[in-house]
């Protein structure tokens, strides 16, 4: 993971904790299941999966990331998130979490 992406992810984790008090944010092991999203967010009785990217134009999508975002979104909530869409994704999460 590049420096910019790791910085974005660290800032995002803090923002999630502020926006969803009491949530649990877990970093997923990329070596366990190739393509699984970076973060799992547990809040109340729901969960969300987030794949962090340093920017909208980042070309570093790994094989299977699109597959897992689609599959997990069908099961609950999953998104690619980057600085340019962060506000919109957090707003969608807020609606999803209720």
PDB file of N, CA and C in Angstrom:
ATOM      1  N   UNK A   1       0.865  -1.179   0.000  1.00  0.00           N
ATOM      2  CA  UNK A   1       0.000   0.000   0.000  1.00  0.00           C
ATOM      3  C   UNK A   1       0.901   1.228   0.000  1.00  0.00           C
ATOM      4  N   UNK A   2       0.615   2.174  -0.882  1.00  0.00           N
ATOM      5  CA  UNK A   2       1.410   3.381  -0.971  1.00  0.00           C
ATOM      6  C   UNK A   2       1.191   4.297   0.226  1.00  0.00           C
ATOM      7  N   UNK A   3       2.124   5.222   0.391  1.00  0.00           N
ATOM      8  CA  UNK A   3       2.071   6.143   1.534  1.00  0.00           C
ATOM      9  C   UNK A   3       0.787   6.975   1.528  1.00  0.00           C
ATOM     10  N   UNK A   4       0.421   7.505   0.373  1.00  0.00           N
ATOM     11  CA  UNK A   4      -0.788   8.322   0.310  1.00  0.00           C
ATOM     12  C   UNK A   4      -2.026   7.518   0.673  1.00  0.00           C
ATOM     13  N   UNK A   5      -2.084   6.267   0.222  1.00  0.00           N
ATOM     14  CA  UNK A   5      -3.236   5.422   0.534  1.00  0.00           C
ATOM     15  C   UNK A   5      -3.280   5.098   2.020  1.00  0.00           C
ATOM     16  N   UNK A   6      -2.142   4.791   2.614  1.00  0.00           N
ATOM     17  CA  UNK A   6      -2.126   4.466   4.044  1.00  0.00           C
ATOM     18  C   UNK A   6      -2.479   5.690   4.888  1.00  0.00           C
ATOM     19  N   UNK A   7      -2.060   6.875   4.450  1.00  0.00           N
ATOM     20  CA  UNK A   7      -2.433   8.106   5.163  1.00  0.00           C
ATOM     21  C   UNK A   7      -3.940   8.345   5.058  1.00  0.00           C
ATOM     22  N   UNK A   8      -4.493   8.159   3.875  1.00  0.00           N
ATOM     23  CA  UNK A   8      -5.934   8.317   3.689  1.00  0.00           C
ATOM     24  C   UNK A   8      -6.683   7.318   4.570  1.00  0.00           C
ATOM     25  N   UNK A   9      -6.223   6.078   4.596  1.00  0.00           N
ATOM     26  CA  UNK A   9      -6.886   5.046   5.376  1.00  0.00           C
ATOM     27  C   UNK A   9      -6.854   5.376   6.874  1.00  0.00           C
ATOM     28  N   UNK A  10      -5.730   5.838   7.372  1.00  0.00           N
ATOM     29  CA  UNK A  10      -5.621   6.203   8.790  1.00  0.00           C
ATOM     30  C   UNK A  10      -6.577   7.345   9.130  1.00  0.00           C
ATOM     31  N   UNK A  11      -6.650   8.349   8.275  1.00  0.00           N
ATOM     32  CA  UNK A  11      -7.555   9.479   8.490  1.00  0.00           C
ATOM     33  C   UNK A  11      -9.009   9.030   8.411  1.00  0.00           C
ATOM     34  N   UNK A  12      -9.297   8.131   7.471  1.00  0.00           N
ATOM     35  CA  UNK A  12     -10.652   7.621   7.301  1.00  0.00           C
ATOM     36  C   UNK A  12     -11.099   6.856   8.543  1.00  0.00           C
ATOM     37  N   UNK A  13     -10.223   6.043   9.114  1.00  0.00           N
ATOM     38  CA  UNK A  13     -10.568   5.277  10.307  1.00  0.00           C
ATOM     39  C   UNK A  13     -10.961   6.218  11.450  1.00  0.00           C
ATOM     40  N   UNK A  14     -10.245   7.318  11.607  1.00  0.00           N
ATOM     41  CA  UNK A  14     -10.592   8.308  12.636  1.00  0.00           C
ATOM     42  C   UNK A  14     -11.945   8.944  12.336  1.00  0.00           C
ATOM     43  N   UNK A  15     -12.160   9.267  11.083  1.00  0.00           N
ATOM     44  CA  UNK A  15     -13.426   9.896  10.683  1.00  0.00           C
ATOM     45  C   UNK A  15     -14.605   8.949  10.903  1.00  0.00           C
ATOM     46  N   UNK A  16     -14.424   7.669  10.603  1.00  0.00           N
ATOM     47  CA  UNK A  16     -15.481   6.682  10.836  1.00  0.00           C
ATOM     48  C   UNK A  16     -15.829   6.592  12.322  1.00  0.00           C
ATOM     49  N   UNK A  17     -14.808   6.592  13.178  1.00  0.00           N
ATOM     50  CA  UNK A  17     -15.036   6.516  14.627  1.00  0.00           C
ATOM     51  C   UNK A  17     -15.801   7.740  15.131  1.00  0.00           C
ATOM     52  N   UNK A  18     -15.536   8.893  14.536  1.00  0.00           N
ATOM     53  CA  UNK A  18     -16.254  10.119  14.926  1.00  0.00           C
ATOM     54  C   UNK A  18     -17.694  10.096  14.416  1.00  0.00           C
ATOM     55  N   UNK A  19     -17.881   9.671  13.188  1.00  0.00           N
ATOM     56  CA  UNK A  19     -19.198   9.713  12.558  1.00  0.00           C
ATOM     57  C   UNK A  19     -20.130   8.616  13.085  1.00  0.00           C
ATOM     58  N   UNK A  20     -19.551   7.468  13.445  1.00  0.00           N
ATOM     59  CA  UNK A  20     -20.337   6.334  13.925  1.00  0.00           C
ATOM     60  C   UNK A  20     -19.817   5.915  15.302  1.00  0.00           C
ATOM     61  N   UNK A  21     -20.167   6.672  16.339  1.00  0.00           N
ATOM     62  CA  UNK A  21     -19.632   6.399  17.689  1.00  0.00           C
ATOM     63  C   UNK A  21     -19.907   4.961  18.120  1.00  0.00           C
ATOM     64  N   UNK A  22     -18.871   4.328  18.646  1.00  0.00           N
ATOM     65  CA  UNK A  22     -19.004   2.956  19.101  1.00  0.00           C
ATOM     66  C   UNK A  22     -18.769   1.916  18.021  1.00  0.00           C
ATOM     67  N   UNK A  23     -18.531   2.350  16.781  1.00  0.00           N
ATOM     68  CA  UNK A  23     -18.281   1.380  15.712  1.00  0.00           C
ATOM     69  C   UNK A  23     -16.950   0.669  15.957  1.00  0.00           C
ATOM     70  N   UNK A  24     -16.802  -0.469  15.315  1.00  0.00           N
ATOM     71  CA  UNK A  24     -15.550  -1.216  15.333  1.00  0.00           C
ATOM     72  C   UNK A  24     -15.036  -1.215  13.904  1.00  0.00           C
ATOM     73  N   UNK A  25     -13.815  -0.719  13.723  1.00  0.00           N
ATOM     74  CA  UNK A  25     -13.194  -0.682  12.392  1.00  0.00           C
ATOM     75  C   UNK A  25     -12.014  -1.648  12.409  1.00  0.00           C
ATOM     76  N   UNK A  26     -12.067  -2.643  11.532  1.00  0.00           N
ATOM     77  CA  UNK A  26     -11.011  -3.646  11.474  1.00  0.00           C
ATOM     78  C   UNK A  26     -10.309  -3.610  10.123  1.00  0.00           C
ATOM     79  N   UNK A  27      -8.997  -3.727  10.175  1.00  0.00           N
ATOM     80  CA  UNK A  27      -8.185  -3.818   8.962  1.00  0.00           C
ATOM     81  C   UNK A  27      -8.114  -5.279   8.560  1.00  0.00           C
ATOM     82  N   UNK A  28      -8.541  -5.575   7.346  1.00  0.00           N
ATOM     83  CA  UNK A  28      -8.529  -6.955   6.854  1.00  0.00           C
ATOM     84  C   UNK A  28      -7.139  -7.328   6.341  1.00  0.00           C
ATOM     85  N   UNK A  29      -6.802  -8.591   6.445  1.00  0.00           N
ATOM     86  CA  UNK A  29      -5.512  -9.110   6.004  1.00  0.00           C
ATOM     87  C   UNK A  29      -5.554  -9.364   4.497  1.00  0.00           C
ATOM     88  N   UNK A  30      -4.809  -8.576   3.715  1.00  0.00           N
ATOM     89  CA  UNK A  30      -4.843  -8.744   2.260  1.00  0.00           C
ATOM     90  C   UNK A  30      -4.238 -10.070   1.798  1.00  0.00           C
ATOM     91  N   UNK A  31      -3.495 -10.746   2.674  1.00  0.00           N
ATOM     92  CA  UNK A  31      -2.891 -12.028   2.311  1.00  0.00           C
ATOM     93  C   UNK A  31      -3.824 -13.207   2.582  1.00  0.00           C
ATOM     94  N   UNK A  32      -4.920 -12.949   3.290  1.00  0.00           N
ATOM     95  CA  UNK A  32      -5.858 -14.016   3.621  1.00  0.00           C
ATOM     96  C   UNK A  32      -6.739 -14.355   2.415  1.00  0.00           C
ATOM     97  N   UNK A  33      -7.486 -13.352   1.930  1.00  0.00           N
ATOM     98  CA  UNK A  33      -8.323 -13.529   0.738  1.00  0.00           C
ATOM     99  C   UNK A  33      -7.947 -12.427  -0.238  1.00  0.00           C
ATOM    100  N   UNK A  34      -7.338 -12.793  -1.354  1.00  0.00           N
ATOM    101  CA  UNK A  34      -6.885 -11.810  -2.330  1.00  0.00           C
ATOM    102  C   UNK A  34      -8.084 -11.060  -2.879  1.00  0.00           C
ATOM    103  N   UNK A  35      -8.054  -9.719  -2.748  1.00  0.00           N
ATOM    104  CA  UNK A  35      -9.110  -8.876  -3.291  1.00  0.00           C
ATOM    105  C   UNK A  35     -10.148  -8.434  -2.276  1.00  0.00           C
ATOM    106  N   UNK A  36     -10.099  -8.981  -1.059  1.00  0.00           N
ATOM    107  CA  UNK A  36     -11.072  -8.593  -0.034  1.00  0.00           C
ATOM    108  C   UNK A  36     -10.834  -7.121   0.337  1.00  0.00           C
ATOM    109  N   UNK A  37     -11.878  -6.347   0.600  1.00  0.00           N
ATOM    110  CA  UNK A  37     -11.694  -4.921   0.918  1.00  0.00           C
ATOM    111  C   UNK A  37     -10.806  -4.686   2.140  1.00  0.00           C
ATOM    112  N   UNK A  38     -10.254  -3.489   2.222  1.00  0.00           N
ATOM    113  CA  UNK A  38      -9.312  -3.117   3.279  1.00  0.00           C
ATOM    114  C   UNK A  38      -9.928  -3.107   4.668  1.00  0.00           C
ATOM    115  N   UNK A  39     -11.106  -2.518   4.789  1.00  0.00           N
ATOM    116  CA  UNK A  39     -11.686  -2.280   6.107  1.00  0.00           C
ATOM    117  C   UNK A  39     -13.066  -2.905   6.256  1.00  0.00           C
ATOM    118  N   UNK A  40     -13.322  -3.438   7.436  1.00  0.00           N
ATOM    119  CA  UNK A  40     -14.656  -3.866   7.841  1.00  0.00           C
ATOM    120  C   UNK A  40     -15.105  -2.914   8.937  1.00  0.00           C
ATOM    121  N   UNK A  41     -16.311  -2.386   8.794  1.00  0.00           N
ATOM    122  CA  UNK A  41     -16.876  -1.479   9.792  1.00  0.00           C
ATOM    123  C   UNK A  41     -18.123  -2.150  10.373  1.00  0.00           C
ATOM    124  N   UNK A  42     -18.111  -2.382  11.672  1.00  0.00           N
ATOM    125  CA  UNK A  42     -19.262  -2.958  12.374  1.00  0.00           C
ATOM    126  C   UNK A  42     -19.935  -1.839  13.151  1.00  0.00           C
ATOM    127  N   UNK A  43     -21.235  -1.670  12.951  1.00  0.00           N
ATOM    128  CA  UNK A  43     -21.955  -0.594  13.635  1.00  0.00           C
ATOM    129  C   UNK A  43     -23.383  -1.045  13.910  1.00  0.00           C
ATOM    130  N   UNK A  44     -23.733  -1.007  15.173  1.00  0.00           N
ATOM    131  CA  UNK A  44     -25.036  -1.489  15.625  1.00  0.00           C
ATOM    132  C   UNK A  44     -25.221  -2.918  15.116  1.00  0.00           C
ATOM    133  N   UNK A  45     -26.239  -3.170  14.317  1.00  0.00           N
ATOM    134  CA  UNK A  45     -26.489  -4.535  13.846  1.00  0.00           C
ATOM    135  C   UNK A  45     -26.141  -4.715  12.373  1.00  0.00           C
ATOM    136  N   UNK A  46     -25.262  -3.836  11.842  1.00  0.00           N
ATOM    137  CA  UNK A  46     -24.905  -3.904  10.414  1.00  0.00           C
ATOM    138  C   UNK A  46     -23.400  -3.832  10.239  1.00  0.00           C
ATOM    139  N   UNK A  47     -22.971  -4.065   9.009  1.00  0.00           N
ATOM    140  CA  UNK A  47     -21.553  -3.995   8.677  1.00  0.00           C
ATOM    141  C   UNK A  47     -21.375  -3.350   7.304  1.00  0.00           C
ATOM    142  N   UNK A  48     -20.175  -2.846   7.077  1.00  0.00           N
ATOM    143  CA  UNK A  48     -19.810  -2.273   5.778  1.00  0.00           C
ATOM    144  C   UNK A  48     -18.372  -2.680   5.468  1.00  0.00           C
ATOM    145  N   UNK A  49     -18.083  -2.803   4.180  1.00  0.00           N
ATOM    146  CA  UNK A  49     -16.728  -3.098   3.709  1.00  0.00           C
ATOM    147  C   UNK A  49     -16.267  -1.943   2.842  1.00  0.00           C
ATOM    148  N   UNK A  50     -15.046  -1.476   3.074  1.00  0.00           N
ATOM    149  CA  UNK A  50     -14.500  -0.349   2.318  1.00  0.00           C
ATOM    150  C   UNK A  50     -13.138  -0.708   1.740  1.00  0.00           C
ATOM    151  N   UNK A  51     -12.974  -0.479   0.451  1.00  0.00           N
ATOM    152  CA  UNK A  51     -11.693  -0.634  -0.227  1.00  0.00           C
ATOM    153  C   UNK A  51     -11.138   0.762  -0.460  1.00  0.00           C
ATOM    154  N   UNK A  52     -10.071   1.098   0.242  1.00  0.00           N
ATOM    155  CA  UNK A  52      -9.480   2.443   0.189  1.00  0.00           C
ATOM    156  C   UNK A  52      -8.535   2.580  -1.001  1.00  0.00           C
ATOM    157  N   UNK A  53      -8.653   3.697  -1.681  1.00  0.00           N
ATOM    158  CA  UNK A  53      -7.751   4.055  -2.772  1.00  0.00           C
ATOM    159  C   UNK A  53      -7.274   5.484  -2.539  1.00  0.00           C
ATOM    160  N   UNK A  54      -6.050   5.766  -2.962  1.00  0.00           N
ATOM    161  CA  UNK A  54      -5.497   7.101  -2.701  1.00  0.00           C
ATOM    162  C   UNK A  54      -6.173   8.188  -3.520  1.00  0.00           C
ATOM    163  N   UNK A  55      -6.759   7.801  -4.662  1.00  0.00           N
ATOM    164  CA  UNK A  55      -7.464   8.782  -5.489  1.00  0.00           C
ATOM    165  C   UNK A  55      -8.410   8.047  -6.432  1.00  0.00           C
ATOM    166  N   UNK A  56      -9.335   8.798  -6.995  1.00  0.00           N
ATOM    167  CA  UNK A  56     -10.293   8.222  -7.943  1.00  0.00           C
ATOM    168  C   UNK A  56      -9.595   7.622  -9.155  1.00  0.00           C
ATOM    169  N   UNK A  57      -8.483   8.234  -9.551  1.00  0.00           N
ATOM    170  CA  UNK A  57      -7.777   7.791 -10.749  1.00  0.00           C
ATOM    171  C   UNK A  57      -6.734   6.710 -10.469  1.00  0.00           C
ATOM    172  N   UNK A  58      -6.618   6.246  -9.230  1.00  0.00           N
ATOM    173  CA  UNK A  58      -5.616   5.225  -8.897  1.00  0.00           C
ATOM    174  C   UNK A  58      -5.841   3.973  -9.746  1.00  0.00           C
ATOM    175  N   UNK A  59      -4.795   3.485 -10.339  1.00  0.00           N
ATOM    176  CA  UNK A  59      -4.873   2.330 -11.234  1.00  0.00           C
ATOM    177  C   UNK A  59      -4.469   1.033 -10.528  1.00  0.00           C
ATOM    178  N   UNK A  60      -4.346   1.073  -9.220  1.00  0.00           N
ATOM    179  CA  UNK A  60      -3.800  -0.075  -8.497  1.00  0.00           C
ATOM    180  C   UNK A  60      -4.862  -1.030  -7.968  1.00  0.00           C
ATOM    181  N   UNK A  61      -5.946  -1.231  -8.702  1.00  0.00           N
ATOM    182  CA  UNK A  61      -6.951  -2.216  -8.278  1.00  0.00           C
ATOM    183  C   UNK A  61      -6.400  -3.609  -8.500  1.00  0.00           C
ATOM    184  N   UNK A  62      -6.536  -4.418  -7.469  1.00  0.00           N
ATOM    185  CA  UNK A  62      -6.042  -5.789  -7.521  1.00  0.00           C
ATOM    186  C   UNK A  62      -7.106  -6.699  -8.132  1.00  0.00           C
ATOM    187  N   UNK A  63      -6.658  -7.840  -8.681  1.00  0.00           N
ATOM    188  CA  UNK A  63      -7.637  -8.804  -9.194  1.00  0.00           C
ATOM    189  C   UNK A  63      -8.621  -9.178  -8.081  1.00  0.00           C
ATOM    190  N   UNK A  64      -9.833  -9.353  -8.432  1.00  0.00           N
ATOM    191  CA  UNK A  64     -10.926  -9.763  -7.548  1.00  0.00           C
ATOM    192  C   UNK A  64     -11.512  -8.637  -6.695  1.00  0.00           C
ATOM    193  N   UNK A  65     -10.938  -7.434  -6.664  1.00  0.00           N
ATOM    194  CA  UNK A  65     -11.514  -6.363  -5.844  1.00  0.00           C
ATOM    195  C   UNK A  65     -12.913  -5.981  -6.323  1.00  0.00           C
ATOM    196  N   UNK A  66     -13.091  -5.828  -7.619  1.00  0.00           N
ATOM    197  CA  UNK A  66     -14.425  -5.504  -8.155  1.00  0.00           C
ATOM    198  C   UNK A  66     -15.416  -6.608  -7.784  1.00  0.00           C
ATOM    199  N   UNK A  67     -14.965  -7.861  -7.913  1.00  0.00           N
ATOM    200  CA  UNK A  67     -15.824  -9.005  -7.587  1.00  0.00           C
ATOM    201  C   UNK A  67     -16.286  -8.931  -6.132  1.00  0.00           C
ATOM    202  N   UNK A  68     -15.353  -8.757  -5.197  1.00  0.00           N
ATOM    203  CA  UNK A  68     -15.721  -8.742  -3.779  1.00  0.00           C
ATOM    204  C   UNK A  68     -16.551  -7.514  -3.402  1.00  0.00           C
ATOM    205  N   UNK A  69     -16.273  -6.374  -3.989  1.00  0.00           N
ATOM    206  CA  UNK A  69     -17.110  -5.190  -3.709  1.00  0.00           C
ATOM    207  C   UNK A  69     -18.547  -5.475  -4.155  1.00  0.00           C
ATOM    208  N   UNK A  70     -18.727  -6.049  -5.326  1.00  0.00           N
ATOM    209  CA  UNK A  70     -20.066  -6.379  -5.803  1.00  0.00           C
ATOM    210  C   UNK A  70     -20.752  -7.438  -4.953  1.00  0.00           C
ATOM    211  N   UNK A  71     -20.040  -8.517  -4.663  1.00  0.00           N
ATOM    212  CA  UNK A  71     -20.601  -9.613  -3.870  1.00  0.00           C
ATOM    213  C   UNK A  71     -20.982  -9.134  -2.470  1.00  0.00           C
ATOM    214  N   UNK A  72     -20.085  -8.413  -1.810  1.00  0.00           N
ATOM    215  CA  UNK A  72     -20.348  -7.950  -0.450  1.00  0.00           C
ATOM    216  C   UNK A  72     -21.420  -6.862  -0.421  1.00  0.00           C
ATOM    217  N   UNK A  73     -21.496  -6.067  -1.473  1.00  0.00           N
ATOM    218  CA  UNK A  73     -22.551  -5.065  -1.529  1.00  0.00           C
ATOM    219  C   UNK A  73     -23.923  -5.733  -1.667  1.00  0.00           C
ATOM    220  N   UNK A  74     -23.980  -6.840  -2.387  1.00  0.00           N
ATOM    221  CA  UNK A  74     -25.232  -7.593  -2.491  1.00  0.00           C
ATOM    222  C   UNK A  74     -25.647  -8.155  -1.127  1.00  0.00           C
ATOM    223  N   UNK A  75     -24.680  -8.423  -0.275  1.00  0.00           N
ATOM    224  CA  UNK A  75     -24.943  -8.991   1.052  1.00  0.00           C
ATOM    225  C   UNK A  75     -25.186  -7.916   2.115  1.00  0.00           C
ATOM    226  N   UNK A  76     -24.701  -6.717   1.862  1.00  0.00           N
ATOM    227  CA  UNK A  76     -24.780  -5.645   2.856  1.00  0.00           C
ATOM    228  C   UNK A  76     -24.413  -4.312   2.240  1.00  0.00           C
ATOM    229  N   UNK A  77     -23.184  -3.837   2.521  1.00  0.00           N
ATOM    230  CA  UNK A  77     -22.729  -2.546   2.014  1.00  0.00           C
ATOM    231  C   UNK A  77     -21.234  -2.653   1.725  1.00  0.00           C
ATOM    232  N   UNK A  78     -20.817  -2.323   0.518  1.00  0.00           N
ATOM    233  CA  UNK A  78     -19.401  -2.330   0.159  1.00  0.00           C
ATOM    234  C   UNK A  78     -19.157  -1.282  -0.913  1.00  0.00           C
ATOM    235  N   UNK A  79     -18.067  -0.549  -0.756  1.00  0.00           N
ATOM    236  CA  UNK A  79     -17.727   0.509  -1.705  1.00  0.00           C
ATOM    237  C   UNK A  79     -16.215   0.661  -1.839  1.00  0.00           C
ATOM    238  N   UNK A  80     -15.793   1.140  -3.015  1.00  0.00           N
ATOM    239  CA  UNK A  80     -14.471   1.726  -3.162  1.00  0.00           C
ATOM    240  C   UNK A  80     -14.592   3.127  -2.586  1.00  0.00           C
ATOM    241  N   UNK A  81     -13.610   3.552  -1.803  1.00  0.00           N
ATOM    242  CA  UNK A  81     -13.641   4.888  -1.221  1.00  0.00           C
ATOM    243  C   UNK A  81     -12.294   5.560  -1.437  1.00  0.00           C
ATOM    244  N   UNK A  82     -12.339   6.837  -1.805  1.00  0.00           N
ATOM    245  CA  UNK A  82     -11.143   7.642  -2.043  1.00  0.00           C
ATOM    246  C   UNK A  82     -11.504   9.072  -1.679  1.00  0.00           C
ATOM    247  N   UNK A  83     -10.531   9.957  -1.548  1.00  0.00           N
ATOM    248  CA  UNK A  83     -10.844  11.323  -1.092  1.00  0.00           C
ATOM    249  C   UNK A  83     -11.950  12.008  -1.886  1.00  0.00           C
ATOM    250  N   UNK A  84     -12.001  11.765  -3.193  1.00  0.00           N
ATOM    251  CA  UNK A  84     -12.976  12.462  -4.027  1.00  0.00           C
ATOM    252  C   UNK A  84     -14.424  12.012  -3.783  1.00  0.00           C
ATOM    253  N   UNK A  85     -14.642  10.799  -3.280  1.00  0.00           N
ATOM    254  CA  UNK A  85     -16.009  10.343  -3.035  1.00  0.00           C
ATOM    255  C   UNK A  85     -16.286  10.057  -1.552  1.00  0.00           C
ATOM    256  N   UNK A  86     -15.358  10.395  -0.697  1.00  0.00           N
ATOM    257  CA  UNK A  86     -15.473  10.078   0.730  1.00  0.00           C
ATOM    258  C   UNK A  86     -16.770  10.603   1.335  1.00  0.00           C
ATOM    259  N   UNK A  87     -17.091  11.867   1.115  1.00  0.00           N
ATOM    260  CA  UNK A  87     -18.298  12.457   1.705  1.00  0.00           C
ATOM    261  C   UNK A  87     -19.554  11.709   1.242  1.00  0.00           C
ATOM    262  N   UNK A  88     -19.624  11.387  -0.040  1.00  0.00           N
ATOM    263  CA  UNK A  88     -20.793  10.687  -0.580  1.00  0.00           C
ATOM    264  C   UNK A  88     -20.906   9.276  -0.001  1.00  0.00           C
ATOM    265  N   UNK A  89     -19.793   8.556   0.097  1.00  0.00           N
ATOM    266  CA  UNK A  89     -19.822   7.193   0.640  1.00  0.00           C
ATOM    267  C   UNK A  89     -20.225   7.221   2.111  1.00  0.00           C
ATOM    268  N   UNK A  90     -19.690   8.161   2.877  1.00  0.00           N
ATOM    269  CA  UNK A  90     -20.058   8.256   4.289  1.00  0.00           C
ATOM    270  C   UNK A  90     -21.535   8.605   4.447  1.00  0.00           C
ATOM    271  N   UNK A  91     -22.052   9.409   3.547  1.00  0.00           N
ATOM    272  CA  UNK A  91     -23.484   9.738   3.575  1.00  0.00           C
ATOM    273  C   UNK A  91     -24.322   8.482   3.266  1.00  0.00           C
ATOM    274  N   UNK A  92     -23.883   7.698   2.292  1.00  0.00           N
ATOM    275  CA  UNK A  92     -24.573   6.434   1.975  1.00  0.00           C
ATOM    276  C   UNK A  92     -24.507   5.475   3.159  1.00  0.00           C
ATOM    277  N   UNK A  93     -23.347   5.417   3.828  1.00  0.00           N
ATOM    278  CA  UNK A  93     -23.209   4.560   4.993  1.00  0.00           C
ATOM    279  C   UNK A  93     -24.141   4.991   6.113  1.00  0.00           C
ATOM    280  N   UNK A  94     -24.270   6.294   6.304  1.00  0.00           N
ATOM    281  CA  UNK A  94     -25.142   6.827   7.335  1.00  0.00           C
ATOM    282  C   UNK A  94     -26.594   6.389   7.067  1.00  0.00           C
ATOM    283  N   UNK A  95     -27.020   6.477   5.822  1.00  0.00           N
ATOM    284  CA  UNK A  95     -28.372   6.035   5.454  1.00  0.00           C
ATOM    285  C   UNK A  95     -28.514   4.522   5.648  1.00  0.00           C
ATOM    286  N   UNK A  96     -27.501   3.767   5.261  1.00  0.00           N
ATOM    287  CA  UNK A  96     -27.519   2.306   5.404  1.00  0.00           C
ATOM    288  C   UNK A  96     -27.572   1.886   6.874  1.00  0.00           C
ATOM    289  N   UNK A  97     -26.742   2.514   7.704  1.00  0.00           N
ATOM    290  CA  UNK A  97     -26.696   2.170   9.118  1.00  0.00           C
ATOM    291  C   UNK A  97     -27.958   2.618   9.864  1.00  0.00           C
ATOM    292  N   UNK A  98     -28.628   3.637   9.339  1.00  0.00           N
ATOM    293  CA  UNK A  98     -29.880   4.095   9.923  1.00  0.00           C
ATOM    294  C   UNK A  98     -29.751   4.970  11.139  1.00  0.00           C
TER     295      UNK A  98
END
